[in-house]
Protein backbone atom coordinates (compact mmCIF):
# COMPACT_ATOMS: atom_id res chain seq x y z
CA MET A 1 49.13 144.52 117.88
CA LEU A 2 46.17 146.75 118.67
CA PRO A 3 46.83 150.50 118.81
CA SER A 4 46.41 152.29 122.14
CA LEU A 5 43.03 153.91 122.69
CA PRO A 6 43.07 157.61 121.76
CA THR A 7 41.28 160.26 123.80
CA THR A 8 39.15 161.65 120.95
CA MET A 9 37.51 160.36 117.78
CA ARG A 10 35.75 161.63 114.70
CA ALA A 11 31.99 161.18 114.86
CA ALA A 12 28.75 162.17 113.13
CA VAL A 13 26.93 164.25 115.73
CA LEU A 14 23.23 165.08 115.88
CA HIS A 15 22.50 168.39 117.65
CA SER A 16 18.80 168.62 116.84
CA TYR A 17 16.22 166.07 115.73
CA ASN A 18 16.10 167.53 112.24
CA GLY A 19 17.95 164.87 110.26
CA VAL A 20 21.21 166.86 110.06
CA VAL A 21 24.51 165.53 111.43
CA THR A 22 27.91 167.20 111.50
CA ILE A 23 31.37 165.64 111.68
CA GLU A 24 33.15 166.61 114.89
CA ASP A 25 35.82 165.51 117.34
CA ARG A 26 34.22 163.76 120.31
CA GLU A 27 35.70 162.46 123.54
CA ILE A 28 36.21 158.72 123.91
CA ILE A 29 34.90 157.85 127.37
CA PRO A 30 36.58 154.83 129.04
CA PRO A 31 34.46 151.70 129.42
CA ARG A 32 32.41 151.20 132.57
CA ALA A 33 32.03 147.85 134.30
CA GLY A 34 30.50 145.41 131.86
CA ASP A 35 31.30 147.57 128.81
CA VAL A 36 33.53 147.20 125.78
CA ILE A 37 34.81 149.76 123.32
CA VAL A 38 34.60 148.76 119.66
CA LYS A 39 36.69 150.30 116.92
CA ILE A 40 34.14 150.54 114.11
CA ALA A 41 34.87 148.93 110.74
CA ALA A 42 31.52 149.43 108.97
CA SER A 43 28.01 150.62 109.79
CA PRO A 44 24.93 150.44 107.54
CA LEU A 45 22.24 153.04 107.14
CA ASN A 46 18.85 151.58 108.07
CA PRO A 47 15.38 153.16 107.98
CA SER A 48 15.42 153.17 111.79
CA ASP A 49 18.60 155.29 111.73
CA VAL A 50 16.97 157.88 109.48
CA MET A 51 13.84 157.96 111.64
CA PHE A 52 15.98 158.41 114.75
CA THR A 53 17.71 161.47 113.31
CA TYR A 54 14.28 163.08 112.88
CA GLY A 55 13.11 162.16 116.37
CA MET A 56 10.56 159.72 114.97
CA TYR A 57 11.96 156.51 116.44
CA GLY A 58 10.81 154.68 119.59
CA PHE A 59 13.06 156.75 121.84
CA ARG A 60 15.29 159.80 121.85
CA LYS A 61 18.71 160.24 123.40
CA PRO A 62 19.92 163.42 125.10
CA LEU A 63 21.49 165.77 122.56
CA PRO A 64 24.07 166.06 121.21
CA THR A 65 24.39 162.38 120.33
CA VAL A 66 25.88 160.09 117.71
CA PRO A 67 23.32 158.08 115.67
CA GLY A 68 23.79 154.58 114.24
CA PHE A 69 22.25 151.42 115.68
CA GLU A 70 24.36 148.67 114.10
CA ALA A 71 27.99 148.05 113.15
CA SER A 72 30.94 145.71 112.96
CA GLY A 73 34.41 146.21 114.35
CA VAL A 74 37.06 145.06 116.80
CA ILE A 75 36.95 145.23 120.60
CA VAL A 76 39.87 147.41 121.69
CA ALA A 77 39.11 147.92 125.40
CA VAL A 78 37.03 146.24 128.09
CA GLY A 79 35.62 147.37 131.41
CA GLU A 80 35.69 145.66 134.78
CA GLY A 81 34.07 142.25 134.75
CA VAL A 82 34.61 141.62 131.04
CA ASP A 83 37.06 138.90 130.03
CA ALA A 84 40.21 140.61 128.76
CA SER A 85 40.56 137.89 126.12
CA ARG A 86 37.78 139.66 124.21
CA ILE A 87 40.23 142.44 123.29
CA GLY A 88 41.02 141.94 119.61
CA GLN A 89 37.80 140.03 118.95
CA ARG A 90 35.89 140.87 115.75
CA VAL A 91 32.24 141.53 116.50
CA ALA A 92 28.90 142.62 115.12
CA CYS A 93 27.25 144.97 117.58
CA PHE A 94 24.21 146.97 118.60
CA ALA A 95 24.51 150.49 119.99
CA GLY A 96 23.60 150.92 123.65
CA ASN A 97 22.29 153.96 125.52
CA ASP A 98 25.41 156.02 124.79
CA ASP A 99 26.65 157.33 121.44
CA GLY A 100 25.93 155.18 118.42
CA ALA A 101 27.90 153.58 115.60
CA TRP A 102 28.50 156.50 113.23
CA ALA A 103 31.88 157.17 114.79
CA GLU A 104 35.37 155.73 114.89
CA TYR A 105 34.70 154.10 118.28
CA MET A 106 31.59 153.04 120.19
CA ARG A 107 31.14 152.17 123.87
CA ILE A 108 28.49 149.48 124.47
CA PRO A 109 27.55 146.75 126.95
CA ALA A 110 29.62 143.63 126.27
CA THR A 111 26.38 141.70 125.74
CA ASN A 112 25.67 143.87 122.67
CA ALA A 113 28.79 142.56 120.89
CA TYR A 114 28.51 139.23 119.04
CA PRO A 115 31.67 137.38 117.95
CA VAL A 116 32.04 137.07 114.17
CA LEU A 117 33.57 134.19 112.23
CA ASP A 118 36.83 134.97 110.43
CA SER A 119 35.22 133.96 107.13
CA ILE A 120 32.71 136.84 107.30
CA SER A 121 33.73 140.25 106.00
CA ASP A 122 33.41 143.41 108.08
CA GLU A 123 30.79 144.70 105.65
CA GLN A 124 28.52 141.66 105.90
CA ALA A 125 29.06 141.45 109.66
CA SER A 126 27.85 145.04 110.05
CA MET A 127 24.47 144.05 108.56
CA LEU A 128 24.03 140.73 110.35
CA LEU A 129 21.88 141.86 113.27
CA VAL A 130 18.96 144.21 112.62
CA ASN A 131 17.58 142.84 109.36
CA PRO A 132 18.29 139.11 109.84
CA LEU A 133 16.82 139.09 113.35
CA THR A 134 13.77 141.04 112.20
CA ALA A 135 13.26 138.63 109.31
CA ARG A 136 13.49 135.66 111.68
CA ALA A 137 10.96 137.20 114.05
CA LEU A 138 8.47 138.04 111.30
CA ILE A 139 8.67 134.59 109.76
CA GLU A 140 7.99 133.07 113.18
CA ILE A 141 4.91 135.28 113.47
CA ALA A 142 3.74 133.98 110.07
CA GLN A 143 4.34 130.39 111.09
CA ASN A 144 2.33 130.85 114.28
CA ALA A 145 -0.54 132.71 112.63
CA SER A 146 -3.63 130.49 112.66
CA GLY A 147 -5.72 130.44 109.51
CA SER A 148 -3.03 131.87 107.22
CA SER A 149 -1.15 129.97 104.54
CA ALA A 150 0.78 132.83 102.93
CA ILE A 151 2.08 136.31 103.71
CA VAL A 152 1.94 139.71 102.05
CA GLN A 153 4.84 142.12 102.46
CA THR A 154 5.58 145.68 101.39
CA ALA A 155 9.05 147.09 100.62
CA ALA A 156 9.83 143.64 99.25
CA ALA A 157 12.84 144.88 97.25
CA SER A 158 14.63 146.06 100.39
CA ALA A 159 17.42 144.03 101.96
CA LEU A 160 15.01 142.87 104.67
CA GLY A 161 12.29 142.12 102.13
CA LYS A 162 14.63 139.85 100.19
CA MET A 163 15.58 138.00 103.37
CA ILE A 164 11.90 137.41 104.12
CA ILE A 165 11.41 136.01 100.61
CA ARG A 166 14.30 133.57 101.06
CA LEU A 167 13.37 132.54 104.60
CA ALA A 168 9.70 132.06 103.69
CA ALA A 169 10.66 129.90 100.70
CA GLU A 170 12.81 127.72 102.95
CA GLN A 171 9.79 127.22 105.24
CA GLY A 172 7.40 126.57 102.36
CA ILE A 173 5.44 129.80 102.92
CA PRO A 174 4.22 131.57 99.73
CA THR A 175 4.81 135.32 99.64
CA ILE A 176 3.01 138.12 97.84
CA ASN A 177 5.63 140.81 97.43
CA ILE A 178 4.71 144.45 96.91
CA VAL A 179 7.12 146.95 95.37
CA ARG A 180 6.67 150.47 94.03
CA ARG A 181 8.90 150.37 90.95
CA ALA A 182 8.48 148.25 87.81
CA GLU A 183 12.20 147.36 87.71
CA SER A 184 11.90 145.82 91.17
CA VAL A 185 9.38 143.31 89.78
CA ASP A 186 12.03 141.86 87.46
CA GLU A 187 14.66 141.93 90.22
CA LEU A 188 12.56 139.91 92.67
CA THR A 189 11.29 137.54 90.00
CA ALA A 190 14.92 136.75 89.18
CA LEU A 191 15.44 136.10 92.89
CA GLY A 192 12.78 133.39 92.71
CA ALA A 193 9.74 135.26 94.03
CA ALA A 194 6.61 133.85 92.37
CA HIS A 195 4.28 136.76 93.12
CA VAL A 196 5.55 140.35 92.79
CA LEU A 197 3.12 143.25 92.45
CA ASP A 198 3.83 146.89 91.57
CA SER A 199 1.62 149.05 93.80
CA SER A 200 1.54 151.77 91.13
CA SER A 201 0.12 149.50 88.40
CA ALA A 202 -3.50 149.82 87.30
CA ASP A 203 -4.41 146.23 88.19
CA PHE A 204 -2.63 146.18 91.57
CA GLU A 205 -5.69 146.09 93.80
CA HIS A 206 -7.56 143.53 91.71
CA THR A 207 -4.54 141.24 91.52
CA LEU A 208 -3.72 141.51 95.22
CA ARG A 209 -7.32 140.76 96.24
CA GLU A 210 -7.40 137.65 94.04
CA LEU A 211 -3.98 136.39 95.10
CA ALA A 212 -4.60 136.94 98.79
CA ALA A 213 -7.84 134.95 98.58
CA LYS A 214 -6.32 132.19 96.43
CA LEU A 215 -3.26 131.74 98.66
CA ASN A 216 -5.16 132.38 101.90
CA ALA A 217 -2.82 135.20 102.90
CA ARG A 218 -4.12 136.57 106.20
CA VAL A 219 -0.86 138.07 107.52
CA ALA A 220 0.89 141.11 106.07
CA PHE A 221 4.19 142.74 107.05
CA ASP A 222 4.35 146.45 106.31
CA ALA A 223 7.41 148.70 106.36
CA VAL A 224 5.71 151.70 104.76
CA GLY A 225 2.70 152.85 106.78
CA GLY A 226 0.46 155.66 105.56
CA ASP A 227 -2.54 154.78 103.40
CA LEU A 228 -0.76 151.77 101.87
CA SER A 229 -1.29 149.83 105.11
CA GLY A 230 -5.05 150.31 104.90
CA ARG A 231 -5.20 149.57 101.18
CA ILE A 232 -3.47 146.24 101.65
CA LEU A 233 -5.47 145.17 104.69
CA HIS A 234 -8.71 146.07 102.91
CA LEU A 235 -7.81 143.76 99.99
CA MET A 236 -7.02 140.79 102.22
CA PRO A 237 -9.57 138.18 103.40
CA ARG A 238 -11.70 138.59 106.51
CA ASN A 239 -9.90 138.20 109.85
CA SER A 240 -6.56 139.23 108.38
CA ARG A 241 -3.92 141.21 110.26
CA ILE A 242 -1.23 143.63 109.18
CA ILE A 243 1.92 144.00 111.26
CA VAL A 244 3.60 147.37 110.80
CA TYR A 245 7.33 147.30 111.54
CA GLY A 246 8.46 150.46 109.72
CA GLY A 247 7.27 153.85 108.56
CA LEU A 248 9.03 154.66 105.30
CA SER A 249 6.18 156.96 104.26
CA LEU A 250 6.58 158.96 107.50
CA GLN A 251 2.77 159.10 107.55
CA PRO A 252 0.25 157.72 110.09
CA VAL A 253 -1.31 154.36 109.34
CA THR A 254 -4.89 154.67 108.11
CA ILE A 255 -7.29 151.74 108.44
CA SER A 256 -10.99 151.80 107.54
CA LEU A 257 -13.60 151.36 110.27
CA ASP A 258 -15.36 148.85 108.03
CA ASP A 259 -12.34 146.54 108.11
CA LEU A 260 -11.80 146.91 111.84
CA ILE A 261 -15.42 146.57 112.95
CA PHE A 262 -17.23 144.44 110.39
CA ARG A 263 -14.48 142.33 108.81
CA GLY A 264 -12.54 141.29 111.90
CA LYS A 265 -9.25 142.72 110.68
CA HIS A 266 -6.42 143.88 112.93
CA VAL A 267 -3.42 146.18 112.82
CA GLU A 268 -0.46 145.83 115.19
CA GLY A 269 3.16 146.86 115.47
CA PHE A 270 6.47 145.05 115.71
CA TRP A 271 9.70 146.41 117.21
CA LEU A 272 12.85 144.32 117.33
CA SER A 273 13.85 145.98 120.61
CA THR A 274 10.85 144.45 122.39
CA TRP A 275 11.19 141.06 120.66
CA LEU A 276 14.82 140.42 121.58
CA PRO A 277 14.30 140.33 125.39
CA THR A 278 11.70 137.57 124.90
CA ILE A 279 14.32 135.24 123.40
CA ALA A 280 16.26 133.04 125.81
CA PRO A 281 20.06 133.57 125.49
CA PRO A 282 20.78 129.96 124.36
CA ARG A 283 18.23 130.25 121.56
CA LEU A 284 19.53 133.68 120.54
CA LEU A 285 23.04 132.21 120.35
CA SER A 286 21.70 129.40 118.16
CA ILE A 287 20.02 131.92 115.85
CA TRP A 288 23.25 133.93 115.67
CA GLN A 289 25.28 130.85 114.73
CA GLU A 290 22.75 129.92 112.06
CA GLU A 291 22.85 133.42 110.58
CA GLN A 292 26.62 133.27 110.30
CA ALA A 293 26.47 129.84 108.69
CA HIS A 294 24.10 131.15 106.01
CA ILE A 295 25.62 134.57 105.41
CA GLY A 296 26.45 133.61 101.83
CA ASP A 297 22.85 132.84 100.87
CA THR A 298 19.83 133.48 103.11
CA TYR A 299 21.27 136.44 105.01
CA LYS A 300 23.56 137.96 102.40
CA THR A 301 23.01 141.68 101.84
CA ASP A 302 24.01 143.51 98.67
CA VAL A 303 25.86 146.81 99.02
CA ARG A 304 25.26 149.50 96.40
CA ALA A 305 27.24 152.40 97.87
CA ARG A 306 30.03 153.01 100.37
CA TYR A 307 30.92 156.32 102.00
CA GLY A 308 33.54 157.45 104.46
CA LEU A 309 32.42 159.06 107.70
CA GLU A 310 33.27 162.54 106.40
CA ASP A 311 30.68 162.00 103.63
CA ILE A 312 27.82 161.12 105.98
CA GLY A 313 25.66 163.92 104.55
CA ARG A 314 25.92 162.48 101.04
CA ALA A 315 25.33 158.98 102.38
CA LEU A 316 22.12 160.03 104.12
CA ALA A 317 20.87 161.83 101.01
CA ASP A 318 21.68 158.82 98.83
CA TYR A 319 19.98 156.34 101.15
CA SER A 320 16.93 158.50 101.86
CA GLY A 321 16.40 158.86 98.11
CA GLN A 322 16.49 155.11 97.49
CA MET A 323 16.19 152.52 100.24
CA SER A 324 16.11 149.50 97.92
CA GLY A 325 18.61 148.03 95.48
CA GLY A 326 21.31 147.40 98.07
CA LYS A 327 22.57 148.89 101.32
CA VAL A 328 24.45 152.15 101.83
CA LEU A 329 27.40 151.66 104.17
CA LEU A 330 29.71 153.85 106.19
CA THR A 331 33.14 152.27 106.02
CA PHE A 332 36.14 153.07 108.17
CA MET A 333 39.70 152.57 106.89
CA PRO A 334 41.84 150.43 109.19
CA GLU A 335 44.78 152.11 110.88
CA ASP A 336 48.29 151.32 109.68
């Protein structure tokens, strides 16, 4: 039996866009029409979450607010117009316009909560939306890119980078995978990646230029930004494009005028929030079912650290210091 909904909850609260959150008691507001309230089981830390806490994401919410864009949990209350049979349903969910997922409970539109198979753990379910859907979208872009036979990607050792490697291999698309640590080269090679380059190595630029030409790689996916975006685009063939979907460097993208004007190269951005509304609901449901069916292989995400909500400060420091090698999760103990 589900416990009754309390009036307050513990939450990580952001009072200023300075990256600092504090653990506080916060009121649980009853669901509006079309809403559900989810009791959170787990929530990952993603680069977008960190950027949001610094006010560097695509939007800001009125302060104070609770960060966290993605989670898993159980629906414990529903608003008017939502089928009451959803109470007790395990879900993966996106945050809405209200407080986010770094709390014991989260109020969201019912359409933001996706039913989860019993065979999938709370931890894996909490990471089954942002990265898998982004990987799917980027691979579709690569498949639709005329004149390109391969892709280049940065941050290849991240959870999303590994998904792109696996999805691309399934579609027969070669990948050139860029990392910034020598140990990540061995890790991705063991994963089956044929081409892994360390951006700090002396022969990086020469090797990337040759590989990009040999494999006809005219599409790049970049999660870093800064001068790395321009370096990579410069080393790719004429008429190439780089799609920036993250800003791990926290620096502006720099592209040479020579590449833009004389070599027909392009830079553009990708944001999952603008891609999702373009997908028809039946197709999105099909994608969701496929992701769940392949959670043990293509969409599996390794976890390297788990923290309770009270340790959110340590979790943020840990994740900000190393965003590869496995996810950092906030986990919530179930009630007795």
